[in-house]
Amino acid sequence: MVVVVPTGAGKTVIGMVAVLHTVLEQHRKAAWLVPQRSLTDELNTELDSWRRRGLRVERLSGEHRVDAQRIRDADLWVTTTEKFEAIWGTSPLKEEPLEQTDLVAALPAPAGRGQAAVDV
């Protein structure tokens, strides 16, 4: 499903619902892909409350090092598309079958348009 709405209309909330459904109800891992590293920072801050409630959320971006075991154990990976592609077939993630991982992707807005999309 792709949801296209104006900026500020709730794409993040839709993504959160999709991730929570995947992790809590389907007992699967989720990867939240964003187009820019700054968005991993924003999501990381928003998801602190999830960590306090026991969800294992790991931010994967170039400037942060994360232990391979923590990556493997995570319920949710928050990462740029580029970083996700770079590490998917390597050490910590290669044991996780892609078909057992739900992807939530925030898609950038086309130039000159005030709306973006979330693919859940």
PDB file of N, CA and C in Angstrom:
ATOM      1  N   MET A   1       0.849  -1.165   0.000  1.00  0.00           N
ATOM      2  CA  MET A   1       0.000   0.000   0.000  1.00  0.00           C
ATOM      3  C   MET A   1       0.902   1.238   0.000  1.00  0.00           C
ATOM      4  N   VAL A   2       0.601   2.189  -0.831  1.00  0.00           N
ATOM      5  CA  VAL A   2       1.322   3.457  -0.865  1.00  0.00           C
ATOM      6  C   VAL A   2       0.332   4.561  -0.500  1.00  0.00           C
ATOM      7  N   VAL A   3       0.712   5.381   0.474  1.00  0.00           N
ATOM      8  CA  VAL A   3      -0.125   6.491   0.914  1.00  0.00           C
ATOM      9  C   VAL A   3       0.582   7.780   0.521  1.00  0.00           C
ATOM     10  N   VAL A   4      -0.072   8.620  -0.268  1.00  0.00           N
ATOM     11  CA  VAL A   4       0.494   9.896  -0.691  1.00  0.00           C
ATOM     12  C   VAL A   4      -0.371  11.003  -0.112  1.00  0.00           C
ATOM     13  N   VAL A   5       0.213  11.796   0.777  1.00  0.00           N
ATOM     14  CA  VAL A   5      -0.516  12.880   1.433  1.00  0.00           C
ATOM     15  C   VAL A   5       0.415  14.072   1.614  1.00  0.00           C
ATOM     16  N   PRO A   6      -0.145  15.252   1.835  1.00  0.00           N
ATOM     17  CA  PRO A   6       0.700  16.432   2.049  1.00  0.00           C
ATOM     18  C   PRO A   6       1.571  16.280   3.297  1.00  0.00           C
ATOM     19  N   THR A   7       2.662  17.014   3.305  1.00  0.00           N
ATOM     20  CA  THR A   7       3.544  17.046   4.448  1.00  0.00           C
ATOM     21  C   THR A   7       2.750  17.408   5.700  1.00  0.00           C
ATOM     22  N   GLY A   8       2.995  16.669   6.774  1.00  0.00           N
ATOM     23  CA  GLY A   8       2.329  16.935   8.040  1.00  0.00           C
ATOM     24  C   GLY A   8       0.958  16.294   8.188  1.00  0.00           C
ATOM     25  N   ALA A   9       0.574  15.444   7.232  1.00  0.00           N
ATOM     26  CA  ALA A   9      -0.761  14.856   7.269  1.00  0.00           C
ATOM     27  C   ALA A   9      -0.809  13.485   7.940  1.00  0.00           C
ATOM     28  N   GLY A  10       0.317  12.975   8.429  1.00  0.00           N
ATOM     29  CA  GLY A  10       0.266  11.744   9.201  1.00  0.00           C
ATOM     30  C   GLY A  10       0.961  10.526   8.638  1.00  0.00           C
ATOM     31  N   LYS A  11       1.896  10.702   7.697  1.00  0.00           N
ATOM     32  CA  LYS A  11       2.593   9.544   7.148  1.00  0.00           C
ATOM     33  C   LYS A  11       3.383   8.802   8.221  1.00  0.00           C
ATOM     34  N   THR A  12       3.995   9.529   9.142  1.00  0.00           N
ATOM     35  CA  THR A  12       4.770   8.881  10.200  1.00  0.00           C
ATOM     36  C   THR A  12       3.871   8.021  11.074  1.00  0.00           C
ATOM     37  N   VAL A  13       2.696   8.513  11.400  1.00  0.00           N
ATOM     38  CA  VAL A  13       1.760   7.742  12.227  1.00  0.00           C
ATOM     39  C   VAL A  13       1.334   6.472  11.491  1.00  0.00           C
ATOM     40  N   ILE A  14       1.087   6.574  10.196  1.00  0.00           N
ATOM     41  CA  ILE A  14       0.727   5.395   9.404  1.00  0.00           C
ATOM     42  C   ILE A  14       1.871   4.385   9.437  1.00  0.00           C
ATOM     43  N   GLY A  15       3.092   4.871   9.278  1.00  0.00           N
ATOM     44  CA  GLY A  15       4.256   3.986   9.354  1.00  0.00           C
ATOM     45  C   GLY A  15       4.377   3.328  10.718  1.00  0.00           C
ATOM     46  N   MET A  16       4.117   4.091  11.783  1.00  0.00           N
ATOM     47  CA  MET A  16       4.190   3.546  13.141  1.00  0.00           C
ATOM     48  C   MET A  16       3.166   2.429  13.347  1.00  0.00           C
ATOM     49  N   VAL A  17       1.963   2.641  12.863  1.00  0.00           N
ATOM     50  CA  VAL A  17       0.928   1.613  12.988  1.00  0.00           C
ATOM     51  C   VAL A  17       1.349   0.351  12.238  1.00  0.00           C
ATOM     52  N   ALA A  18       1.897   0.514  11.040  1.00  0.00           N
ATOM     53  CA  ALA A  18       2.340  -0.640  10.253  1.00  0.00           C
ATOM     54  C   ALA A  18       3.451  -1.395  10.974  1.00  0.00           C
ATOM     55  N   VAL A  19       4.412  -0.667  11.537  1.00  0.00           N
ATOM     56  CA  VAL A  19       5.519  -1.312  12.246  1.00  0.00           C
ATOM     57  C   VAL A  19       5.012  -2.034  13.493  1.00  0.00           C
ATOM     58  N   LEU A  20       4.172  -1.376  14.277  1.00  0.00           N
ATOM     59  CA  LEU A  20       3.650  -2.013  15.492  1.00  0.00           C
ATOM     60  C   LEU A  20       2.854  -3.276  15.159  1.00  0.00           C
ATOM     61  N   HIS A  21       2.068  -3.231  14.094  1.00  0.00           N
ATOM     62  CA  HIS A  21       1.320  -4.410  13.667  1.00  0.00           C
ATOM     63  C   HIS A  21       2.279  -5.548  13.320  1.00  0.00           C
ATOM     64  N   THR A  22       3.326  -5.243  12.579  1.00  0.00           N
ATOM     65  CA  THR A  22       4.301  -6.253  12.169  1.00  0.00           C
ATOM     66  C   THR A  22       5.000  -6.872  13.368  1.00  0.00           C
ATOM     67  N   VAL A  23       5.506  -6.021  14.251  1.00  0.00           N
ATOM     68  CA  VAL A  23       6.324  -6.495  15.374  1.00  0.00           C
ATOM     69  C   VAL A  23       5.478  -7.157  16.458  1.00  0.00           C
ATOM     70  N   LEU A  24       4.396  -6.511  16.858  1.00  0.00           N
ATOM     71  CA  LEU A  24       3.626  -6.998  18.006  1.00  0.00           C
ATOM     72  C   LEU A  24       2.592  -8.072  17.656  1.00  0.00           C
ATOM     73  N   GLU A  25       1.980  -7.963  16.489  1.00  0.00           N
ATOM     74  CA  GLU A  25       0.926  -8.913  16.155  1.00  0.00           C
ATOM     75  C   GLU A  25       1.402 -10.052  15.254  1.00  0.00           C
ATOM     76  N   GLN A  26       2.319  -9.742  14.344  1.00  0.00           N
ATOM     77  CA  GLN A  26       2.803 -10.778  13.432  1.00  0.00           C
ATOM     78  C   GLN A  26       4.113 -11.394  13.917  1.00  0.00           C
ATOM     79  N   HIS A  27       4.712 -10.809  14.952  1.00  0.00           N
ATOM     80  CA  HIS A  27       5.976 -11.307  15.526  1.00  0.00           C
ATOM     81  C   HIS A  27       7.069 -11.420  14.461  1.00  0.00           C
ATOM     82  N   ARG A  28       7.136 -10.369  13.644  1.00  0.00           N
ATOM     83  CA  ARG A  28       8.152 -10.280  12.600  1.00  0.00           C
ATOM     84  C   ARG A  28       8.976  -9.034  12.823  1.00  0.00           C
ATOM     85  N   LYS A  29      10.126  -8.986  12.208  1.00  0.00           N
ATOM     86  CA  LYS A  29      10.973  -7.798  12.255  1.00  0.00           C
ATOM     87  C   LYS A  29      10.473  -6.795  11.221  1.00  0.00           C
ATOM     88  N   ALA A  30      10.850  -5.529  11.434  1.00  0.00           N
ATOM     89  CA  ALA A  30      10.485  -4.487  10.473  1.00  0.00           C
ATOM     90  C   ALA A  30      11.704  -3.610  10.210  1.00  0.00           C
ATOM     91  N   ALA A  31      11.782  -3.094   9.018  1.00  0.00           N
ATOM     92  CA  ALA A  31      12.813  -2.131   8.643  1.00  0.00           C
ATOM     93  C   ALA A  31      12.099  -0.875   8.167  1.00  0.00           C
ATOM     94  N   TRP A  32      12.417   0.263   8.786  1.00  0.00           N
ATOM     95  CA  TRP A  32      11.821   1.543   8.412  1.00  0.00           C
ATOM     96  C   TRP A  32      12.880   2.289   7.620  1.00  0.00           C
ATOM     97  N   LEU A  33      12.658   2.405   6.317  1.00  0.00           N
ATOM     98  CA  LEU A  33      13.635   3.019   5.412  1.00  0.00           C
ATOM     99  C   LEU A  33      13.244   4.458   5.132  1.00  0.00           C
ATOM    100  N   VAL A  34      14.211   5.346   5.256  1.00  0.00           N
ATOM    101  CA  VAL A  34      13.975   6.765   4.994  1.00  0.00           C
ATOM    102  C   VAL A  34      15.005   7.260   3.984  1.00  0.00           C
ATOM    103  N   PRO A  35      14.669   8.303   3.223  1.00  0.00           N
ATOM    104  CA  PRO A  35      15.574   8.753   2.164  1.00  0.00           C
ATOM    105  C   PRO A  35      16.765   9.581   2.650  1.00  0.00           C
ATOM    106  N   GLN A  36      16.716  10.116   3.875  1.00  0.00           N
ATOM    107  CA  GLN A  36      17.798  10.989   4.355  1.00  0.00           C
ATOM    108  C   GLN A  36      18.206  10.602   5.771  1.00  0.00           C
ATOM    109  N   ARG A  37      19.499  10.749   6.054  1.00  0.00           N
ATOM    110  CA  ARG A  37      20.027  10.423   7.368  1.00  0.00           C
ATOM    111  C   ARG A  37      19.377  11.266   8.466  1.00  0.00           C
ATOM    112  N   SER A  38      19.065  12.525   8.177  1.00  0.00           N
ATOM    113  CA  SER A  38      18.440  13.384   9.186  1.00  0.00           C
ATOM    114  C   SER A  38      17.097  12.811   9.641  1.00  0.00           C
ATOM    115  N   LEU A  39      16.413  12.092   8.756  1.00  0.00           N
ATOM    116  CA  LEU A  39      15.140  11.480   9.132  1.00  0.00           C
ATOM    117  C   LEU A  39      15.341  10.295  10.068  1.00  0.00           C
ATOM    118  N   THR A  40      16.495   9.625   9.985  1.00  0.00           N
ATOM    119  CA  THR A  40      16.757   8.557  10.970  1.00  0.00           C
ATOM    120  C   THR A  40      16.885   9.167  12.356  1.00  0.00           C
ATOM    121  N   ASP A  41      17.471  10.367  12.446  1.00  0.00           N
ATOM    122  CA  ASP A  41      17.592  11.053  13.738  1.00  0.00           C
ATOM    123  C   ASP A  41      16.215  11.408  14.292  1.00  0.00           C
ATOM    124  N   GLU A  42      15.354  11.949  13.437  1.00  0.00           N
ATOM    125  CA  GLU A  42      14.005  12.322  13.875  1.00  0.00           C
ATOM    126  C   GLU A  42      13.228  11.103  14.359  1.00  0.00           C
ATOM    127  N   LEU A  43      13.248  10.042  13.562  1.00  0.00           N
ATOM    128  CA  LEU A  43      12.529   8.830  13.953  1.00  0.00           C
ATOM    129  C   LEU A  43      13.112   8.227  15.224  1.00  0.00           C
ATOM    130  N   ASN A  44      14.431   8.234  15.327  1.00  0.00           N
ATOM    131  CA  ASN A  44      15.089   7.677  16.508  1.00  0.00           C
ATOM    132  C   ASN A  44      14.568   8.361  17.776  1.00  0.00           C
ATOM    133  N   THR A  45      14.435   9.674  17.741  1.00  0.00           N
ATOM    134  CA  THR A  45      13.926  10.415  18.890  1.00  0.00           C
ATOM    135  C   THR A  45      12.464  10.053  19.158  1.00  0.00           C
ATOM    136  N   GLU A  46      11.657   9.983  18.103  1.00  0.00           N
ATOM    137  CA  GLU A  46      10.243   9.648  18.275  1.00  0.00           C
ATOM    138  C   GLU A  46      10.045   8.241  18.820  1.00  0.00           C
ATOM    139  N   LEU A  47      10.977   7.349  18.535  1.00  0.00           N
ATOM    140  CA  LEU A  47      10.814   5.950  18.936  1.00  0.00           C
ATOM    141  C   LEU A  47      11.424   5.632  20.299  1.00  0.00           C
ATOM    142  N   ASP A  48      11.946   6.639  20.993  1.00  0.00           N
ATOM    143  CA  ASP A  48      12.471   6.415  22.344  1.00  0.00           C
ATOM    144  C   ASP A  48      11.413   5.826  23.267  1.00  0.00           C
ATOM    145  N   SER A  49      10.171   6.266  23.128  1.00  0.00           N
ATOM    146  CA  SER A  49       9.104   5.733  23.987  1.00  0.00           C
ATOM    147  C   SER A  49       8.877   4.244  23.698  1.00  0.00           C
ATOM    148  N   TRP A  50       9.096   3.815  22.475  1.00  0.00           N
ATOM    149  CA  TRP A  50       8.970   2.396  22.149  1.00  0.00           C
ATOM    150  C   TRP A  50      10.046   1.599  22.872  1.00  0.00           C
ATOM    151  N   ARG A  51      11.264   2.145  22.910  1.00  0.00           N
ATOM    152  CA  ARG A  51      12.359   1.474  23.620  1.00  0.00           C
ATOM    153  C   ARG A  51      12.023   1.323  25.100  1.00  0.00           C
ATOM    154  N   ARG A  52      11.473   2.384  25.689  1.00  0.00           N
ATOM    155  CA  ARG A  52      11.121   2.323  27.108  1.00  0.00           C
ATOM    156  C   ARG A  52      10.063   1.260  27.383  1.00  0.00           C
ATOM    157  N   ARG A  53       9.306   0.899  26.366  1.00  0.00           N
ATOM    158  CA  ARG A  53       8.274  -0.131  26.528  1.00  0.00           C
ATOM    159  C   ARG A  53       8.761  -1.513  26.093  1.00  0.00           C
ATOM    160  N   GLY A  54      10.052  -1.629  25.788  1.00  0.00           N
ATOM    161  CA  GLY A  54      10.645  -2.932  25.520  1.00  0.00           C
ATOM    162  C   GLY A  54      10.897  -3.293  24.076  1.00  0.00           C
ATOM    163  N   LEU A  55      10.492  -2.455  23.118  1.00  0.00           N
ATOM    164  CA  LEU A  55      10.811  -2.761  21.730  1.00  0.00           C
ATOM    165  C   LEU A  55      12.288  -2.482  21.479  1.00  0.00           C
ATOM    166  N   ARG A  56      12.891  -3.353  20.729  1.00  0.00           N
ATOM    167  CA  ARG A  56      14.318  -3.203  20.413  1.00  0.00           C
ATOM    168  C   ARG A  56      14.443  -2.498  19.068  1.00  0.00           C
ATOM    169  N   VAL A  57      14.742  -1.205  19.135  1.00  0.00           N
ATOM    170  CA  VAL A  57      14.851  -0.343  17.956  1.00  0.00           C
ATOM    171  C   VAL A  57      16.316   0.019  17.770  1.00  0.00           C
ATOM    172  N   GLU A  58      16.842  -0.208  16.587  1.00  0.00           N
ATOM    173  CA  GLU A  58      18.229   0.160  16.279  1.00  0.00           C
ATOM    174  C   GLU A  58      18.270   1.087  15.078  1.00  0.00           C
ATOM    175  N   ARG A  59      18.985   2.186  15.247  1.00  0.00           N
ATOM    176  CA  ARG A  59      19.200   3.117  14.136  1.00  0.00           C
ATOM    177  C   ARG A  59      20.478   2.697  13.430  1.00  0.00           C
ATOM    178  N   LEU A  60      20.386   2.535  12.145  1.00  0.00           N
ATOM    179  CA  LEU A  60      21.540   2.144  11.340  1.00  0.00           C
ATOM    180  C   LEU A  60      21.851   3.269  10.374  1.00  0.00           C
ATOM    181  N   SER A  61      22.916   3.974  10.650  1.00  0.00           N
ATOM    182  CA  SER A  61      23.349   5.029   9.736  1.00  0.00           C
ATOM    183  C   SER A  61      24.858   5.141   9.834  1.00  0.00           C
ATOM    184  N   GLY A  62      25.441   5.794   8.871  1.00  0.00           N
ATOM    185  CA  GLY A  62      26.891   5.836   8.761  1.00  0.00           C
ATOM    186  C   GLY A  62      27.627   6.350   9.975  1.00  0.00           C
ATOM    187  N   GLU A  63      27.040   7.287  10.705  1.00  0.00           N
ATOM    188  CA  GLU A  63      27.759   7.905  11.812  1.00  0.00           C
ATOM    189  C   GLU A  63      27.568   7.184  13.149  1.00  0.00           C
ATOM    190  N   HIS A  64      26.768   6.118  13.179  1.00  0.00           N
ATOM    191  CA  HIS A  64      26.527   5.393  14.423  1.00  0.00           C
ATOM    192  C   HIS A  64      26.970   3.943  14.284  1.00  0.00           C
ATOM    193  N   ARG A  65      27.752   3.480  15.231  1.00  0.00           N
ATOM    194  CA  ARG A  65      28.163   2.075  15.254  1.00  0.00           C
ATOM    195  C   ARG A  65      27.227   1.311  16.176  1.00  0.00           C
ATOM    196  N   VAL A  66      26.796   0.153  15.719  1.00  0.00           N
ATOM    197  CA  VAL A  66      25.912  -0.686  16.517  1.00  0.00           C
ATOM    198  C   VAL A  66      26.483  -2.097  16.516  1.00  0.00           C
ATOM    199  N   ASP A  67      26.471  -2.714  17.675  1.00  0.00           N
ATOM    200  CA  ASP A  67      26.943  -4.075  17.827  1.00  0.00           C
ATOM    201  C   ASP A  67      26.136  -5.025  16.928  1.00  0.00           C
ATOM    202  N   ALA A  68      26.819  -5.959  16.284  1.00  0.00           N
ATOM    203  CA  ALA A  68      26.158  -6.881  15.363  1.00  0.00           C
ATOM    204  C   ALA A  68      25.055  -7.683  16.053  1.00  0.00           C
ATOM    205  N   GLN A  69      25.265  -8.076  17.302  1.00  0.00           N
ATOM    206  CA  GLN A  69      24.238  -8.841  18.014  1.00  0.00           C
ATOM    207  C   GLN A  69      22.999  -7.983  18.276  1.00  0.00           C
ATOM    208  N   ARG A  70      23.202  -6.705  18.587  1.00  0.00           N
ATOM    209  CA  ARG A  70      22.051  -5.810  18.789  1.00  0.00           C
ATOM    210  C   ARG A  70      21.263  -5.636  17.499  1.00  0.00           C
ATOM    211  N   ILE A  71      21.968  -5.591  16.382  1.00  0.00           N
ATOM    212  CA  ILE A  71      21.282  -5.494  15.085  1.00  0.00           C
ATOM    213  C   ILE A  71      20.453  -6.754  14.857  1.00  0.00           C
ATOM    214  N   ARG A  72      21.060  -7.902  15.088  1.00  0.00           N
ATOM    215  CA  ARG A  72      20.360  -9.170  14.909  1.00  0.00           C
ATOM    216  C   ARG A  72      19.131  -9.276  15.806  1.00  0.00           C
ATOM    217  N   ASP A  73      19.245  -8.806  17.045  1.00  0.00           N
ATOM    218  CA  ASP A  73      18.170  -8.935  18.022  1.00  0.00           C
ATOM    219  C   ASP A  73      17.064  -7.889  17.873  1.00  0.00           C
ATOM    220  N   ALA A  74      17.319  -6.848  17.100  1.00  0.00           N
ATOM    221  CA  ALA A  74      16.366  -5.736  17.005  1.00  0.00           C
ATOM    222  C   ALA A  74      15.028  -6.176  16.421  1.00  0.00           C
ATOM    223  N   ASP A  75      13.969  -5.536  16.918  1.00  0.00           N
ATOM    224  CA  ASP A  75      12.637  -5.719  16.351  1.00  0.00           C
ATOM    225  C   ASP A  75      12.442  -4.807  15.151  1.00  0.00           C
ATOM    226  N   LEU A  76      13.083  -3.642  15.203  1.00  0.00           N
ATOM    227  CA  LEU A  76      12.925  -2.616  14.173  1.00  0.00           C
ATOM    228  C   LEU A  76      14.267  -1.991  13.867  1.00  0.00           C
ATOM    229  N   TRP A  77      14.569  -1.891  12.575  1.00  0.00           N
ATOM    230  CA  TRP A  77      15.746  -1.161  12.115  1.00  0.00           C
ATOM    231  C   TRP A  77      15.258   0.130  11.477  1.00  0.00           C
ATOM    232  N   VAL A  78      15.802   1.257  11.893  1.00  0.00           N
ATOM    233  CA  VAL A  78      15.516   2.554  11.287  1.00  0.00           C
ATOM    234  C   VAL A  78      16.771   2.942  10.527  1.00  0.00           C
ATOM    235  N   THR A  79      16.652   3.103   9.218  1.00  0.00           N
ATOM    236  CA  THR A  79      17.850   3.285   8.404  1.00  0.00           C
ATOM    237  C   THR A  79      17.527   3.981   7.083  1.00  0.00           C
ATOM    238  N   THR A  80      18.566   4.499   6.464  1.00  0.00           N
ATOM    239  CA  THR A  80      18.393   5.016   5.107  1.00  0.00           C
ATOM    240  C   THR A  80      18.345   3.825   4.154  1.00  0.00           C
ATOM    241  N   THR A  81      17.718   4.053   3.022  1.00  0.00           N
ATOM    242  CA  THR A  81      17.650   2.997   2.012  1.00  0.00           C
ATOM    243  C   THR A  81      19.055   2.569   1.612  1.00  0.00           C
ATOM    244  N   GLU A  82      19.933   3.540   1.440  1.00  0.00           N
ATOM    245  CA  GLU A  82      21.306   3.260   1.031  1.00  0.00           C
ATOM    246  C   GLU A  82      22.030   2.370   2.045  1.00  0.00           C
ATOM    247  N   LYS A  83      21.911   2.686   3.318  1.00  0.00           N
ATOM    248  CA  LYS A  83      22.575   1.900   4.361  1.00  0.00           C
ATOM    249  C   LYS A  83      21.976   0.496   4.432  1.00  0.00           C
ATOM    250  N   PHE A  84      20.669   0.390   4.328  1.00  0.00           N
ATOM    251  CA  PHE A  84      20.005  -0.907   4.366  1.00  0.00           C
ATOM    252  C   PHE A  84      20.507  -1.801   3.236  1.00  0.00           C
ATOM    253  N   GLU A  85      20.587  -1.248   2.033  1.00  0.00           N
ATOM    254  CA  GLU A  85      21.083  -2.021   0.885  1.00  0.00           C
ATOM    255  C   GLU A  85      22.528  -2.439   1.094  1.00  0.00           C
ATOM    256  N   ALA A  86      23.320  -1.562   1.710  1.00  0.00           N
ATOM    257  CA  ALA A  86      24.738  -1.847   1.917  1.00  0.00           C
ATOM    258  C   ALA A  86      24.970  -2.974   2.915  1.00  0.00           C
ATOM    259  N   ILE A  87      24.120  -3.081   3.924  1.00  0.00           N
ATOM    260  CA  ILE A  87      24.377  -4.078   4.959  1.00  0.00           C
ATOM    261  C   ILE A  87      23.492  -5.316   4.867  1.00  0.00           C
ATOM    262  N   TRP A  88      22.481  -5.314   4.021  1.00  0.00           N
ATOM    263  CA  TRP A  88      21.538  -6.441   4.016  1.00  0.00           C
ATOM    264  C   TRP A  88      22.241  -7.782   3.825  1.00  0.00           C
ATOM    265  N   GLY A  89      23.120  -7.890   2.869  1.00  0.00           N
ATOM    266  CA  GLY A  89      23.759  -9.171   2.587  1.00  0.00           C
ATOM    267  C   GLY A  89      25.012  -9.427   3.391  1.00  0.00           C
ATOM    268  N   THR A  90      25.302  -8.577   4.360  1.00  0.00           N
ATOM    269  CA  THR A  90      26.520  -8.743   5.138  1.00  0.00           C
ATOM    270  C   THR A  90      26.216  -9.270   6.525  1.00  0.00           C
ATOM    271  N   SER A  91      27.211  -9.454   7.265  1.00  0.00           N
ATOM    272  CA  SER A  91      27.245 -10.155   8.540  1.00  0.00           C
ATOM    273  C   SER A  91      25.975 -10.162   9.388  1.00  0.00           C
ATOM    274  N   PRO A  92      25.583  -9.058  10.047  1.00  0.00           N
ATOM    275  CA  PRO A  92      24.505  -9.211  11.017  1.00  0.00           C
ATOM    276  C   PRO A  92      23.140  -9.519  10.430  1.00  0.00           C
ATOM    277  N   LEU A  93      22.886  -9.126   9.201  1.00  0.00           N
ATOM    278  CA  LEU A  93      21.535  -9.277   8.659  1.00  0.00           C
ATOM    279  C   LEU A  93      21.372 -10.430   7.687  1.00  0.00           C
ATOM    280  N   LYS A  94      22.459 -11.018   7.233  1.00  0.00           N
ATOM    281  CA  LYS A  94      22.315 -12.039   6.194  1.00  0.00           C
ATOM    282  C   LYS A  94      21.535 -13.261   6.655  1.00  0.00           C
ATOM    283  N   GLU A  95      21.431 -13.459   7.965  1.00  0.00           N
ATOM    284  CA  GLU A  95      20.685 -14.604   8.479  1.00  0.00           C
ATOM    285  C   GLU A  95      19.185 -14.325   8.565  1.00  0.00           C
ATOM    286  N   GLU A  96      18.771 -13.078   8.393  1.00  0.00           N
ATOM    287  CA  GLU A  96      17.354 -12.716   8.463  1.00  0.00           C
ATOM    288  C   GLU A  96      16.758 -12.791   7.063  1.00  0.00           C
ATOM    289  N   PRO A  97      15.861 -13.746   6.827  1.00  0.00           N
ATOM    290  CA  PRO A  97      15.244 -13.817   5.500  1.00  0.00           C
ATOM    291  C   PRO A  97      14.431 -12.563   5.207  1.00  0.00           C
ATOM    292  N   LEU A  98      14.610 -11.991   4.041  1.00  0.00           N
ATOM    293  CA  LEU A  98      13.909 -10.757   3.682  1.00  0.00           C
ATOM    294  C   LEU A  98      12.403 -10.946   3.713  1.00  0.00           C
ATOM    295  N   GLU A  99      11.921 -12.126   3.345  1.00  0.00           N
ATOM    296  CA  GLU A  99      10.472 -12.316   3.326  1.00  0.00           C
ATOM    297  C   GLU A  99       9.882 -12.349   4.730  1.00  0.00           C
ATOM    298  N   GLN A 100      10.706 -12.435   5.770  1.00  0.00           N
ATOM    299  CA  GLN A 100      10.204 -12.389   7.142  1.00  0.00           C
ATOM    300  C   GLN A 100      10.371 -10.999   7.755  1.00  0.00           C
ATOM    301  N   THR A 101      10.703 -10.036   6.936  1.00  0.00           N
ATOM    302  CA  THR A 101      10.902  -8.666   7.399  1.00  0.00           C
ATOM    303  C   THR A 101       9.979  -7.743   6.626  1.00  0.00           C
ATOM    304  N   ASP A 102       9.168  -6.964   7.329  1.00  0.00           N
ATOM    305  CA  ASP A 102       8.327  -5.981   6.665  1.00  0.00           C
ATOM    306  C   ASP A 102       9.110  -4.692   6.479  1.00  0.00           C
ATOM    307  N   LEU A 103       8.930  -4.077   5.336  1.00  0.00           N
ATOM    308  CA  LEU A 103       9.610  -2.826   5.029  1.00  0.00           C
ATOM    309  C   LEU A 103       8.596  -1.694   5.031  1.00  0.00           C
ATOM    310  N   VAL A 104       8.917  -0.629   5.744  1.00  0.00           N
ATOM    311  CA  VAL A 104       8.136   0.604   5.705  1.00  0.00           C
ATOM    312  C   VAL A 104       9.080   1.641   5.120  1.00  0.00           C
ATOM    313  N   ALA A 105       8.725   2.227   4.009  1.00  0.00           N
ATOM    314  CA  ALA A 105       9.619   3.156   3.337  1.00  0.00           C
ATOM    315  C   ALA A 105       8.983   4.531   3.227  1.00  0.00           C
ATOM    316  N   ALA A 106       9.703   5.542   3.684  1.00  0.00           N
ATOM    317  CA  ALA A 106       9.284   6.922   3.487  1.00  0.00           C
ATOM    318  C   ALA A 106       9.898   7.378   2.170  1.00  0.00           C
ATOM    319  N   LEU A 107       9.069   7.796   1.253  1.00  0.00           N
ATOM    320  CA  LEU A 107       9.531   8.182  -0.073  1.00  0.00           C
ATOM    321  C   LEU A 107       9.574   9.698  -0.183  1.00  0.00           C
ATOM    322  N   PRO A 108      10.624  10.254  -0.783  1.00  0.00           N
ATOM    323  CA  PRO A 108      10.717  11.716  -0.887  1.00  0.00           C
ATOM    324  C   PRO A 108       9.664  12.287  -1.817  1.00  0.00           C
ATOM    325  N   ALA A 109       9.314  13.536  -1.566  1.00  0.00           N
ATOM    326  CA  ALA A 109       8.349  14.232  -2.413  1.00  0.00           C
ATOM    327  C   ALA A 109       8.994  14.576  -3.747  1.00  0.00           C
ATOM    328  N   PRO A 110       8.235  14.477  -4.836  1.00  0.00           N
ATOM    329  CA  PRO A 110       8.756  14.920  -6.119  1.00  0.00           C
ATOM    330  C   PRO A 110       9.063  16.420  -6.060  1.00  0.00           C
ATOM    331  N   ALA A 111      10.056  16.854  -6.795  1.00  0.00           N
ATOM    332  CA  ALA A 111      10.447  18.262  -6.783  1.00  0.00           C
ATOM    333  C   ALA A 111       9.261  19.159  -7.105  1.00  0.00           C
ATOM    334  N   GLY A 112       9.077  20.191  -6.281  1.00  0.00           N
ATOM    335  CA  GLY A 112       8.024  21.155  -6.523  1.00  0.00           C
ATOM    336  C   GLY A 112       6.659  20.736  -6.020  1.00  0.00           C
ATOM    337  N   ARG A 113       6.573  19.577  -5.377  1.00  0.00           N
ATOM    338  CA  ARG A 113       5.281  19.128  -4.860  1.00  0.00           C
ATOM    339  C   ARG A 113       5.346  19.060  -3.344  1.00  0.00           C
ATOM    340  N   GLY A 114       4.295  19.430  -2.692  1.00  0.00           N
ATOM    341  CA  GLY A 114       4.275  19.487  -1.239  1.00  0.00           C
ATOM    342  C   GLY A 114       3.769  18.234  -0.579  1.00  0.00           C
ATOM    343  N   GLN A 115       3.948  17.098  -1.235  1.00  0.00           N
ATOM    344  CA  GLN A 115       3.502  15.861  -0.612  1.00  0.00           C
ATOM    345  C   GLN A 115       4.524  14.770  -0.853  1.00  0.00           C
ATOM    346  N   ALA A 116       4.532  13.829   0.067  1.00  0.00           N
ATOM    347  CA  ALA A 116       5.430  12.683  -0.039  1.00  0.00           C
ATOM    348  C   ALA A 116       4.602  11.433   0.190  1.00  0.00           C
ATOM    349  N   ALA A 117       5.260  10.290   0.207  1.00  0.00           N
ATOM    350  CA  ALA A 117       4.531   9.034   0.322  1.00  0.00           C
ATOM    351  C   ALA A 117       5.159   8.148   1.373  1.00  0.00           C
ATOM    352  N   VAL A 118       4.359   7.238   1.871  1.00  0.00           N
ATOM    353  CA  VAL A 118       4.870   6.171   2.715  1.00  0.00           C
ATOM    354  C   VAL A 118       4.371   4.869   2.109  1.00  0.00           C
ATOM    355  N   ASP A 119       5.267   3.923   1.933  1.00  0.00           N
ATOM    356  CA  ASP A 119       4.953   2.625   1.363  1.00  0.00           C
ATOM    357  C   ASP A 119       4.950   1.619   2.498  1.00  0.00           C
ATOM    358  N   VAL A 120       3.777   1.084   2.822  1.00  0.00           N
ATOM    359  CA  VAL A 120       3.668   0.123   3.922  1.00  0.00           C
ATOM    360  C   VAL A 120       3.150  -1.208   3.428  1.00  0.00           C
TER     361      VAL A 120
END
